[in-house]
Amino acid sequence: MIGLDTSAIIDIFRGEKGMAAFLKENQEPMAVTIFSYLELFFGLDPDNVRHQEEARYYNEFFQEIYSIDLSKQACQGSSKIFWELKKRGKSIEEADCVIAAIFLHHGITKIVTRNVKHFKQIPQLQVVNY
């Protein structure tokens, strides 16, 4: 199974060519995290008509794809990732630590993202760019 980062989900919505090519060639089942759902909706103004259309798309998308909830174990794992990186003099957004930890907790070690710079710092993840 391969995990989709929030950036990949946005690029699916936008019809980004590289992501479309990846989806066409990919044979692995895909998963998303509920935390990406949260990130997506923080970026949407509920009073903006265009954003309302985007929200409908994401709601439907999350209905159709395997979605993993946030657990206490993933919370602890995200903290561990954050502090391991910080001790090595690296830092990434806390949201990326959470997404990575959710996938890793569920045995998903591949992540599709446009944000290679952050996720490649997590040695347990194989990062797939498109």
N, C-alpha and C. Protein backbone atom coordinates (compact mmCIF):
# COMPACT_ATOMS: atom_id res chain seq x y z
N MET A 1 0.85 -1.18 0.00
CA MET A 1 0.00 0.00 0.00
C MET A 1 0.89 1.23 0.00
N ILE A 2 0.40 2.27 -0.62
CA ILE A 2 1.15 3.52 -0.72
C ILE A 2 0.29 4.66 -0.18
N GLY A 3 0.90 5.55 0.60
CA GLY A 3 0.19 6.66 1.21
C GLY A 3 0.25 7.91 0.35
N LEU A 4 -0.84 8.64 0.32
CA LEU A 4 -0.89 9.91 -0.39
C LEU A 4 -0.78 11.04 0.62
N ASP A 5 0.22 11.89 0.45
CA ASP A 5 0.36 13.10 1.26
C ASP A 5 -0.69 14.11 0.81
N THR A 6 -0.90 15.11 1.62
CA THR A 6 -1.88 16.16 1.32
C THR A 6 -1.58 16.83 -0.02
N SER A 7 -0.31 17.08 -0.30
CA SER A 7 0.05 17.72 -1.58
C SER A 7 -0.39 16.87 -2.77
N ALA A 8 -0.30 15.56 -2.65
CA ALA A 8 -0.72 14.67 -3.73
C ALA A 8 -2.24 14.73 -3.92
N ILE A 9 -2.97 14.80 -2.83
CA ILE A 9 -4.42 14.88 -2.91
C ILE A 9 -4.85 16.18 -3.60
N ILE A 10 -4.20 17.27 -3.25
CA ILE A 10 -4.49 18.56 -3.89
C ILE A 10 -4.20 18.48 -5.38
N ASP A 11 -3.07 17.85 -5.73
CA ASP A 11 -2.71 17.75 -7.14
C ASP A 11 -3.64 16.83 -7.92
N ILE A 12 -4.22 15.83 -7.25
CA ILE A 12 -5.25 15.02 -7.91
C ILE A 12 -6.45 15.92 -8.23
N PHE A 13 -6.89 16.71 -7.27
CA PHE A 13 -8.02 17.63 -7.47
C PHE A 13 -7.73 18.59 -8.63
N ARG A 14 -6.51 19.11 -8.67
CA ARG A 14 -6.15 20.10 -9.69
C ARG A 14 -5.87 19.48 -11.06
N GLY A 15 -5.77 18.16 -11.12
CA GLY A 15 -5.47 17.51 -12.39
C GLY A 15 -4.03 17.71 -12.82
N GLU A 16 -3.13 17.86 -11.86
CA GLU A 16 -1.71 18.07 -12.16
C GLU A 16 -1.19 16.90 -13.00
N LYS A 17 -0.48 17.21 -14.08
CA LYS A 17 -0.09 16.20 -15.06
C LYS A 17 0.79 15.09 -14.49
N GLY A 18 1.77 15.46 -13.66
CA GLY A 18 2.65 14.45 -13.08
C GLY A 18 1.89 13.49 -12.18
N MET A 19 0.95 14.03 -11.41
CA MET A 19 0.15 13.18 -10.52
C MET A 19 -0.78 12.30 -11.34
N ALA A 20 -1.37 12.84 -12.40
CA ALA A 20 -2.25 12.06 -13.27
C ALA A 20 -1.48 10.90 -13.89
N ALA A 21 -0.23 11.14 -14.30
CA ALA A 21 0.61 10.08 -14.87
C ALA A 21 0.92 9.02 -13.82
N PHE A 22 1.21 9.46 -12.60
CA PHE A 22 1.47 8.51 -11.52
C PHE A 22 0.24 7.62 -11.30
N LEU A 23 -0.94 8.21 -11.22
CA LEU A 23 -2.17 7.44 -10.97
C LEU A 23 -2.43 6.44 -12.08
N LYS A 24 -2.12 6.82 -13.30
CA LYS A 24 -2.34 5.94 -14.44
C LYS A 24 -1.44 4.71 -14.37
N GLU A 25 -0.20 4.90 -13.89
CA GLU A 25 0.78 3.81 -13.86
C GLU A 25 0.77 3.02 -12.55
N ASN A 26 0.29 3.62 -11.48
CA ASN A 26 0.35 2.98 -10.17
C ASN A 26 -0.54 1.73 -10.10
N GLN A 27 0.02 0.67 -9.55
CA GLN A 27 -0.72 -0.58 -9.38
C GLN A 27 -1.01 -0.88 -7.92
N GLU A 28 -0.44 -0.10 -7.00
CA GLU A 28 -0.59 -0.36 -5.57
C GLU A 28 -1.86 0.28 -5.02
N PRO A 29 -2.50 -0.38 -4.04
CA PRO A 29 -3.61 0.28 -3.37
C PRO A 29 -3.13 1.53 -2.64
N MET A 30 -3.99 2.52 -2.52
CA MET A 30 -3.59 3.79 -1.92
C MET A 30 -4.39 4.07 -0.66
N ALA A 31 -3.78 4.87 0.21
CA ALA A 31 -4.42 5.28 1.47
C ALA A 31 -4.15 6.75 1.71
N VAL A 32 -5.01 7.35 2.51
CA VAL A 32 -4.84 8.73 2.96
C VAL A 32 -5.03 8.75 4.47
N THR A 33 -4.69 9.87 5.08
CA THR A 33 -4.89 10.00 6.52
C THR A 33 -5.98 11.04 6.79
N ILE A 34 -6.66 10.87 7.88
CA ILE A 34 -7.67 11.84 8.28
C ILE A 34 -7.01 13.18 8.60
N PHE A 35 -5.73 13.14 8.93
CA PHE A 35 -5.02 14.38 9.20
C PHE A 35 -4.88 15.22 7.92
N SER A 36 -4.71 14.55 6.78
CA SER A 36 -4.69 15.29 5.51
C SER A 36 -6.04 15.96 5.26
N TYR A 37 -7.10 15.27 5.63
CA TYR A 37 -8.44 15.84 5.51
C TYR A 37 -8.51 17.15 6.29
N LEU A 38 -7.98 17.13 7.51
CA LEU A 38 -7.95 18.33 8.33
C LEU A 38 -7.14 19.44 7.66
N GLU A 39 -5.96 19.08 7.17
CA GLU A 39 -5.11 20.08 6.48
C GLU A 39 -5.85 20.69 5.29
N LEU A 40 -6.51 19.85 4.52
CA LEU A 40 -7.24 20.34 3.35
C LEU A 40 -8.32 21.35 3.75
N PHE A 41 -9.08 21.03 4.78
CA PHE A 41 -10.18 21.89 5.17
C PHE A 41 -9.72 23.17 5.87
N PHE A 42 -8.54 23.16 6.48
CA PHE A 42 -8.00 24.42 7.01
C PHE A 42 -7.70 25.39 5.86
N GLY A 43 -7.47 24.87 4.66
CA GLY A 43 -7.18 25.71 3.51
C GLY A 43 -8.41 26.18 2.75
N LEU A 44 -9.58 25.79 3.22
CA LEU A 44 -10.81 26.13 2.50
C LEU A 44 -11.69 27.07 3.32
N ASP A 45 -12.00 28.21 2.73
CA ASP A 45 -12.91 29.17 3.35
C ASP A 45 -14.34 28.69 3.07
N PRO A 46 -15.10 28.34 4.10
CA PRO A 46 -16.44 27.79 3.88
C PRO A 46 -17.42 28.77 3.21
N ASP A 47 -17.08 30.05 3.17
CA ASP A 47 -17.95 31.04 2.53
C ASP A 47 -17.58 31.28 1.06
N ASN A 48 -16.48 30.70 0.62
CA ASN A 48 -16.00 30.87 -0.75
C ASN A 48 -16.64 29.78 -1.62
N VAL A 49 -17.36 30.18 -2.65
CA VAL A 49 -18.08 29.23 -3.51
C VAL A 49 -17.12 28.24 -4.16
N ARG A 50 -15.99 28.71 -4.64
CA ARG A 50 -15.00 27.82 -5.25
C ARG A 50 -14.48 26.80 -4.24
N HIS A 51 -14.27 27.24 -3.01
CA HIS A 51 -13.81 26.35 -1.96
C HIS A 51 -14.88 25.34 -1.57
N GLN A 52 -16.15 25.73 -1.68
CA GLN A 52 -17.25 24.81 -1.38
C GLN A 52 -17.24 23.65 -2.37
N GLU A 53 -16.96 23.95 -3.64
CA GLU A 53 -16.87 22.91 -4.67
C GLU A 53 -15.69 21.98 -4.36
N GLU A 54 -14.58 22.57 -3.97
CA GLU A 54 -13.40 21.77 -3.62
C GLU A 54 -13.70 20.88 -2.41
N ALA A 55 -14.41 21.41 -1.43
CA ALA A 55 -14.79 20.64 -0.23
C ALA A 55 -15.65 19.44 -0.61
N ARG A 56 -16.59 19.64 -1.53
CA ARG A 56 -17.42 18.52 -1.99
C ARG A 56 -16.56 17.44 -2.64
N TYR A 57 -15.58 17.87 -3.44
CA TYR A 57 -14.68 16.91 -4.07
C TYR A 57 -13.92 16.10 -3.01
N TYR A 58 -13.35 16.78 -2.02
CA TYR A 58 -12.57 16.09 -0.98
C TYR A 58 -13.46 15.15 -0.16
N ASN A 59 -14.67 15.57 0.13
CA ASN A 59 -15.58 14.69 0.86
C ASN A 59 -15.84 13.40 0.09
N GLU A 60 -16.08 13.53 -1.19
CA GLU A 60 -16.30 12.36 -2.03
C GLU A 60 -15.03 11.52 -2.14
N PHE A 61 -13.90 12.16 -2.32
CA PHE A 61 -12.62 11.47 -2.45
C PHE A 61 -12.35 10.63 -1.19
N PHE A 62 -12.57 11.21 -0.02
CA PHE A 62 -12.30 10.51 1.23
C PHE A 62 -13.33 9.41 1.50
N GLN A 63 -14.49 9.47 0.85
CA GLN A 63 -15.47 8.38 0.95
C GLN A 63 -15.02 7.17 0.15
N GLU A 64 -14.28 7.42 -0.93
CA GLU A 64 -13.95 6.36 -1.88
C GLU A 64 -12.58 5.71 -1.64
N ILE A 65 -11.73 6.30 -0.83
CA ILE A 65 -10.37 5.79 -0.65
C ILE A 65 -10.18 5.32 0.79
N TYR A 66 -9.27 4.41 0.98
CA TYR A 66 -8.97 3.92 2.32
C TYR A 66 -8.37 5.06 3.14
N SER A 67 -9.03 5.41 4.23
CA SER A 67 -8.60 6.53 5.07
C SER A 67 -8.27 6.03 6.46
N ILE A 68 -7.12 6.46 6.97
CA ILE A 68 -6.63 6.01 8.26
C ILE A 68 -6.80 7.12 9.29
N ASP A 69 -7.41 6.76 10.42
CA ASP A 69 -7.64 7.72 11.50
C ASP A 69 -6.36 7.97 12.30
N LEU A 70 -6.39 9.03 13.06
CA LEU A 70 -5.30 9.37 13.97
C LEU A 70 -5.50 8.59 15.27
N SER A 71 -4.44 7.95 15.74
CA SER A 71 -4.51 7.18 16.98
C SER A 71 -3.50 7.74 17.99
N LYS A 72 -3.64 7.31 19.22
CA LYS A 72 -2.67 7.72 20.25
C LYS A 72 -1.27 7.24 19.87
N GLN A 73 -1.17 6.03 19.32
CA GLN A 73 0.14 5.51 18.93
C GLN A 73 0.78 6.36 17.83
N ALA A 74 -0.04 6.80 16.88
CA ALA A 74 0.48 7.66 15.81
C ALA A 74 0.88 9.02 16.36
N CYS A 75 0.15 9.52 17.35
CA CYS A 75 0.53 10.79 18.00
C CYS A 75 1.90 10.65 18.64
N GLN A 76 2.10 9.56 19.35
CA GLN A 76 3.40 9.32 19.98
C GLN A 76 4.48 9.15 18.93
N GLY A 77 4.16 8.44 17.85
CA GLY A 77 5.13 8.24 16.77
C GLY A 77 5.50 9.55 16.09
N SER A 78 4.54 10.45 15.94
CA SER A 78 4.84 11.73 15.30
C SER A 78 5.77 12.56 16.18
N SER A 79 5.57 12.49 17.48
CA SER A 79 6.47 13.18 18.40
C SER A 79 7.88 12.61 18.32
N LYS A 80 7.95 11.29 18.23
CA LYS A 80 9.26 10.62 18.12
C LYS A 80 9.98 11.07 16.84
N ILE A 81 9.27 11.09 15.72
CA ILE A 81 9.86 11.56 14.45
C ILE A 81 10.34 13.00 14.60
N PHE A 82 9.48 13.85 15.15
CA PHE A 82 9.81 15.26 15.32
C PHE A 82 11.11 15.43 16.11
N TRP A 83 11.21 14.74 17.26
CA TRP A 83 12.38 14.90 18.13
C TRP A 83 13.62 14.24 17.56
N GLU A 84 13.48 13.12 16.85
CA GLU A 84 14.65 12.51 16.21
C GLU A 84 15.23 13.45 15.16
N LEU A 85 14.37 14.08 14.38
CA LEU A 85 14.83 15.03 13.37
C LEU A 85 15.46 16.25 14.02
N LYS A 86 14.81 16.77 15.04
CA LYS A 86 15.31 17.97 15.72
C LYS A 86 16.71 17.71 16.30
N LYS A 87 16.93 16.55 16.89
CA LYS A 87 18.23 16.20 17.46
C LYS A 87 19.31 16.07 16.40
N ARG A 88 18.89 15.78 15.15
CA ARG A 88 19.84 15.70 14.03
C ARG A 88 20.00 17.05 13.34
N GLY A 89 19.37 18.08 13.91
CA GLY A 89 19.48 19.42 13.32
C GLY A 89 18.57 19.62 12.13
N LYS A 90 17.59 18.77 11.98
CA LYS A 90 16.62 18.88 10.89
C LYS A 90 15.27 19.24 11.48
N SER A 91 14.45 19.85 10.68
CA SER A 91 13.09 20.08 11.15
C SER A 91 12.15 20.08 9.96
N ILE A 92 10.97 19.55 10.20
CA ILE A 92 9.92 19.57 9.20
C ILE A 92 8.63 19.99 9.92
N GLU A 93 7.63 20.30 9.15
CA GLU A 93 6.36 20.71 9.75
C GLU A 93 5.79 19.58 10.60
N GLU A 94 5.20 19.94 11.71
CA GLU A 94 4.62 18.95 12.61
C GLU A 94 3.55 18.13 11.88
N ALA A 95 2.79 18.75 10.99
CA ALA A 95 1.76 18.03 10.24
C ALA A 95 2.37 16.90 9.43
N ASP A 96 3.56 17.13 8.85
CA ASP A 96 4.22 16.08 8.08
C ASP A 96 4.67 14.94 8.99
N CYS A 97 5.08 15.26 10.20
CA CYS A 97 5.44 14.23 11.18
C CYS A 97 4.21 13.37 11.50
N VAL A 98 3.07 14.01 11.64
CA VAL A 98 1.83 13.29 11.97
C VAL A 98 1.44 12.36 10.82
N ILE A 99 1.44 12.88 9.61
CA ILE A 99 1.06 12.07 8.44
C ILE A 99 2.00 10.88 8.30
N ALA A 100 3.30 11.12 8.42
CA ALA A 100 4.27 10.04 8.33
C ALA A 100 4.03 8.99 9.41
N ALA A 101 3.80 9.43 10.63
CA ALA A 101 3.61 8.50 11.74
C ALA A 101 2.34 7.67 11.56
N ILE A 102 1.28 8.27 11.07
CA ILE A 102 0.05 7.51 10.84
C ILE A 102 0.31 6.39 9.83
N PHE A 103 0.94 6.74 8.72
CA PHE A 103 1.25 5.71 7.72
C PHE A 103 2.16 4.63 8.30
N LEU A 104 3.24 5.03 8.94
CA LEU A 104 4.19 4.06 9.48
C LEU A 104 3.54 3.15 10.52
N HIS A 105 2.68 3.70 11.35
CA HIS A 105 1.99 2.90 12.36
C HIS A 105 1.15 1.80 11.71
N HIS A 106 0.70 2.05 10.49
CA HIS A 106 -0.12 1.07 9.77
C HIS A 106 0.69 0.28 8.75
N GLY A 107 2.00 0.35 8.86
CA GLY A 107 2.87 -0.46 8.00
C GLY A 107 3.02 0.07 6.59
N ILE A 108 2.64 1.30 6.36
CA ILE A 108 2.77 1.92 5.03
C ILE A 108 4.09 2.70 5.02
N THR A 109 5.01 2.25 4.21
CA THR A 109 6.35 2.85 4.20
C THR A 109 6.65 3.64 2.94
N LYS A 110 5.69 3.74 2.03
CA LYS A 110 5.84 4.54 0.81
C LYS A 110 4.86 5.69 0.87
N ILE A 111 5.35 6.88 0.50
CA ILE A 111 4.48 8.05 0.48
C ILE A 111 4.67 8.80 -0.83
N VAL A 112 3.56 9.17 -1.45
CA VAL A 112 3.56 9.96 -2.67
C VAL A 112 3.36 11.41 -2.26
N THR A 113 4.31 12.26 -2.67
CA THR A 113 4.24 13.66 -2.25
C THR A 113 4.98 14.56 -3.23
N ARG A 114 4.57 15.80 -3.25
CA ARG A 114 5.32 16.84 -3.93
C ARG A 114 6.35 17.42 -2.95
N ASN A 115 6.15 17.16 -1.67
CA ASN A 115 6.99 17.72 -0.61
C ASN A 115 8.13 16.76 -0.26
N VAL A 116 8.95 16.43 -1.23
CA VAL A 116 10.04 15.47 -1.06
C VAL A 116 11.02 15.95 -0.01
N LYS A 117 11.32 17.22 0.01
CA LYS A 117 12.32 17.79 0.92
C LYS A 117 12.05 17.41 2.38
N HIS A 118 10.83 17.44 2.80
CA HIS A 118 10.50 17.12 4.19
C HIS A 118 10.49 15.62 4.44
N PHE A 119 9.77 14.88 3.63
CA PHE A 119 9.57 13.46 3.90
C PHE A 119 10.83 12.63 3.69
N LYS A 120 11.74 13.07 2.83
CA LYS A 120 12.96 12.28 2.62
C LYS A 120 13.86 12.27 3.87
N GLN A 121 13.60 13.16 4.81
CA GLN A 121 14.37 13.19 6.05
C GLN A 121 13.95 12.10 7.03
N ILE A 122 12.86 11.42 6.74
CA ILE A 122 12.36 10.35 7.60
C ILE A 122 12.85 9.03 6.99
N PRO A 123 13.87 8.41 7.58
CA PRO A 123 14.51 7.27 6.95
C PRO A 123 13.61 6.05 6.77
N GLN A 124 12.55 5.92 7.53
CA GLN A 124 11.66 4.77 7.42
C GLN A 124 10.74 4.85 6.20
N LEU A 125 10.69 6.02 5.56
CA LEU A 125 9.79 6.23 4.42
C LEU A 125 10.53 6.20 3.10
N GLN A 126 9.91 5.55 2.14
CA GLN A 126 10.35 5.65 0.74
C GLN A 126 9.48 6.71 0.10
N VAL A 127 10.11 7.76 -0.39
CA VAL A 127 9.38 8.90 -0.95
C VAL A 127 9.26 8.75 -2.46
N VAL A 128 8.05 8.88 -2.94
CA VAL A 128 7.76 8.80 -4.37
C VAL A 128 7.33 10.18 -4.83
N ASN A 129 8.09 10.75 -5.74
CA ASN A 129 7.77 12.04 -6.31
C ASN A 129 7.11 11.81 -7.67
N TYR A 130 6.39 12.77 -8.14
CA TYR A 130 5.71 12.65 -9.43
C TYR A 130 5.98 13.85 -10.30
